[in-house]
Amino acid sequence: MANELLSETHQDVLWLTLNRPEVHNALNAAMTDALTAAIRKASGDGGLRAVVITAAGDRSFCSGADLKESAGGMFLSRDGTNPIADVMRAIEGCDKPVIARINGRVLAGGLGLVAACDLAYAADHAEFGLPEVRVGLFPAMVAAQLLAKIPMNRLQEMAYLGLPITAVEAHRLGLINRVVPSAELDGVVEAVLALLRQNAPGAIAAGKTALQTMRRMPSRERLAFAEGVIATISGSDEAQEGRLAFAEKRKPLWVK
């Protein structure tokens, strides 16, 4: 894998580190291609329980697209799609929870990656912003993710004014799950991973797909869809093991 992205597996978790700190971990073609490939591969790996995306250094998590590389037009993938959008699709399509460990400033397309993740935890010095209008662009792809995360009027303010918000404000808006001092960030992420390991991986995977599907449905159709999801999950081997473990007053044994 290219040096732009570091990949390490710790126990049953894949850690992906954006590794261009000298340019605020800006996304170039090599990094986005590596991210998309790594996340797609993780989705089919039964030995993994989660994916964590973080970044080198403590100044910037990701500043968005590398404007030097994309000058004159956004760099495109081989099939003509936008590589940053491809990473977002890979995150959404991954059957594992994808967690953002945010250790610095998050801007533009970097904010799109965070919004696509299932869970996000940030150090208290992190900032979040959409500065695209300052260079003649507009954060349309990021907005596609943020529309399901934060109120429209706050999205408009961020997109039109280009001003960053604090981690505390991002948490208040619902963009991230928790804000902690930098020294506590790793402990929080590890605690989340420990909790995930206690829960049924198949149920989480099915639930992730169901939540994404229902989010796009008209509200009147969601309950009927959810009925089908419950019927399927309740007949699974995991559900049977969970009920048996409850009756026997022991921890369930999940088959990865």
Foldseek 3Di string as FASTA:
>chain_A
DDQQWDWDDDQQEIEIEREDVVQLSADDPVNLVVLLVVLLVSLPDPSHAEYEYAYPDQAHRYAYHDCVRQPPHQDADPVGHHSLVSNLVSQLLRLHQYEYLTRHEAEQSSLLNLLSGPAYEYEQHYKYAYQQVVVPGFRPSSVVSCVLAFDPVVVCCRGVVGDIDTPVVCVVRRSHPYYHHPVCSVVVVVVVVVVSVLDASVLSSLVSVLVVVLSPDDVVCNVVSVVVSCVVVCPDPQVVQVVVCVVVVHRGDYDD
